[in-house]
Amino acid sequence: MKKTATTAAPTTTVACPQCGATVVWTSASHWKPFCSERCKLLDLGAWANESYRVAGVETADVSEIEDALAAFSSGASRPH
């Protein structure tokens, strides 16, 4: 009987988004993708302080939207 070589599944690692430390991606990694609770809380605090921004298109001012709706409701923007 021949012995077969067993190959271990490749280990996935990621960099902690806060400090850059290597984090092994397993069920035992409680704070993934962060390396620790501290890094997780620092990142959460940055979001809460609005230090991070999600890119997007600048929206119209609310008063511009209200004026456009009022004009439409009065019939000014309706086609003839």
C-alpha atoms as a PDB file:
ATOM      1  CA  MET A   1       0.000   0.000   0.000  1.00  0.00           C
ATOM      2  CA  LYS A   2       1.367   3.379  -1.046  1.00  0.00           C
ATOM      3  CA  LYS A   3       1.238   6.411   1.166  1.00  0.00           C
ATOM      4  CA  THR A   4      -0.257   9.445  -0.469  1.00  0.00           C
ATOM      5  CA  ALA A   5       1.061  12.867   0.282  1.00  0.00           C
ATOM      6  CA  THR A   6      -1.468  15.123   1.889  1.00  0.00           C
ATOM      7  CA  THR A   7      -1.409  18.746   0.941  1.00  0.00           C
ATOM      8  CA  ALA A   8      -2.681  21.353   3.304  1.00  0.00           C
ATOM      9  CA  ALA A   9      -5.082  23.940   1.997  1.00  0.00           C
ATOM     10  CA  PRO A  10      -3.356  27.223   1.265  1.00  0.00           C
ATOM     11  CA  THR A  11      -3.589  29.718   4.090  1.00  0.00           C
ATOM     12  CA  THR A  12      -5.201  33.028   3.249  1.00  0.00           C
ATOM     13  CA  THR A  13      -3.634  36.076   4.810  1.00  0.00           C
ATOM     14  CA  VAL A  14      -4.680  39.706   4.595  1.00  0.00           C
ATOM     15  CA  ALA A  15      -3.198  42.955   5.816  1.00  0.00           C
ATOM     16  CA  CYS A  16      -4.949  44.636   8.733  1.00  0.00           C
ATOM     17  CA  PRO A  17      -6.678  47.712   7.244  1.00  0.00           C
ATOM     18  CA  GLN A  18      -5.615  49.823  10.226  1.00  0.00           C
ATOM     19  CA  CYS A  19      -1.978  48.939  10.924  1.00  0.00           C
ATOM     20  CA  GLY A  20      -0.971  46.646   8.062  1.00  0.00           C
ATOM     21  CA  ALA A  21      -0.101  43.619  10.227  1.00  0.00           C
ATOM     22  CA  THR A  22      -0.569  40.205   8.626  1.00  0.00           C
ATOM     23  CA  VAL A  23      -3.827  38.492   9.638  1.00  0.00           C
ATOM     24  CA  VAL A  24      -4.462  34.800   8.969  1.00  0.00           C
ATOM     25  CA  TRP A  25      -8.030  34.464   7.610  1.00  0.00           C
ATOM     26  CA  THR A  26      -9.502  31.603   9.656  1.00  0.00           C
ATOM     27  CA  SER A  27     -12.490  31.104  11.914  1.00  0.00           C
ATOM     28  CA  ALA A  28     -10.087  31.472  14.852  1.00  0.00           C
ATOM     29  CA  SER A  29      -9.293  35.062  13.840  1.00  0.00           C
ATOM     30  CA  HIS A  30     -11.901  36.870  15.930  1.00  0.00           C
ATOM     31  CA  TRP A  31     -11.215  40.395  14.665  1.00  0.00           C
ATOM     32  CA  LYS A  32     -10.678  39.694  10.956  1.00  0.00           C
ATOM     33  CA  PRO A  33      -9.889  41.559   8.795  1.00  0.00           C
ATOM     34  CA  PHE A  34      -8.323  43.468  11.716  1.00  0.00           C
ATOM     35  CA  CYS A  35      -5.464  42.080  13.778  1.00  0.00           C
ATOM     36  CA  SER A  36      -6.972  43.108  17.118  1.00  0.00           C
ATOM     37  CA  GLU A  37      -9.942  44.693  18.811  1.00  0.00           C
ATOM     38  CA  ARG A  38      -7.919  47.893  19.150  1.00  0.00           C
ATOM     39  CA  CYS A  39      -7.464  48.223  15.375  1.00  0.00           C
ATOM     40  CA  LYS A  40     -11.139  47.426  14.833  1.00  0.00           C
ATOM     41  CA  LEU A  41     -12.212  50.158  17.267  1.00  0.00           C
ATOM     42  CA  LEU A  42      -9.768  52.691  15.808  1.00  0.00           C
ATOM     43  CA  ASP A  43     -11.263  52.073  12.364  1.00  0.00           C
ATOM     44  CA  LEU A  44     -14.820  52.355  13.695  1.00  0.00           C
ATOM     45  CA  GLY A  45     -13.904  55.623  15.411  1.00  0.00           C
ATOM     46  CA  ALA A  46     -12.512  57.014  12.149  1.00  0.00           C
ATOM     47  CA  TRP A  47     -15.834  56.241  10.413  1.00  0.00           C
ATOM     48  CA  ALA A  48     -17.805  57.781  13.299  1.00  0.00           C
ATOM     49  CA  ASN A  49     -15.686  60.963  13.099  1.00  0.00           C
ATOM     50  CA  GLU A  50     -16.268  61.060   9.325  1.00  0.00           C
ATOM     51  CA  SER A  51     -12.538  60.751   8.648  1.00  0.00           C
ATOM     52  CA  TYR A  52     -13.345  58.320   5.837  1.00  0.00           C
ATOM     53  CA  ARG A  53     -15.445  59.364   2.872  1.00  0.00           C
ATOM     54  CA  VAL A  54     -17.127  57.300   0.210  1.00  0.00           C
ATOM     55  CA  ALA A  55     -16.609  58.875  -3.197  1.00  0.00           C
ATOM     56  CA  GLY A  56     -19.746  60.029  -4.930  1.00  0.00           C
ATOM     57  CA  VAL A  57     -21.384  62.714  -6.974  1.00  0.00           C
ATOM     58  CA  GLU A  58     -22.290  65.927  -5.218  1.00  0.00           C
ATOM     59  CA  THR A  59     -26.046  66.180  -4.921  1.00  0.00           C
ATOM     60  CA  ALA A  60     -28.246  69.195  -5.541  1.00  0.00           C
ATOM     61  CA  ASP A  61     -29.165  71.495  -2.704  1.00  0.00           C
ATOM     62  CA  VAL A  62     -32.530  70.631  -1.103  1.00  0.00           C
ATOM     63  CA  SER A  63     -33.894  74.095  -1.911  1.00  0.00           C
ATOM     64  CA  GLU A  64     -33.148  73.527  -5.626  1.00  0.00           C
ATOM     65  CA  ILE A  65     -35.100  70.272  -5.546  1.00  0.00           C
ATOM     66  CA  GLU A  66     -38.031  71.906  -3.730  1.00  0.00           C
ATOM     67  CA  ASP A  67     -38.088  74.772  -6.269  1.00  0.00           C
ATOM     68  CA  ALA A  68     -38.094  72.304  -9.169  1.00  0.00           C
ATOM     69  CA  LEU A  69     -40.934  70.306  -7.613  1.00  0.00           C
ATOM     70  CA  ALA A  70     -42.946  73.460  -6.964  1.00  0.00           C
ATOM     71  CA  ALA A  71     -42.444  74.602 -10.575  1.00  0.00           C
ATOM     72  CA  PHE A  72     -43.515  71.202 -11.870  1.00  0.00           C
ATOM     73  CA  SER A  73     -46.588  71.133  -9.604  1.00  0.00           C
ATOM     74  CA  SER A  74     -47.684  74.571 -10.822  1.00  0.00           C
ATOM     75  CA  GLY A  75     -47.513  73.423 -14.434  1.00  0.00           C
ATOM     76  CA  ALA A  76     -44.561  75.577 -15.426  1.00  0.00           C
ATOM     77  CA  SER A  77     -42.495  72.590 -16.577  1.00  0.00           C
ATOM     78  CA  ARG A  78     -45.297  70.616 -18.255  1.00  0.00           C
ATOM     79  CA  PRO A  79     -45.146  70.191 -22.025  1.00  0.00           C
ATOM     80  CA  HIS A  80     -47.983  71.727 -24.046  1.00  0.00           C
END
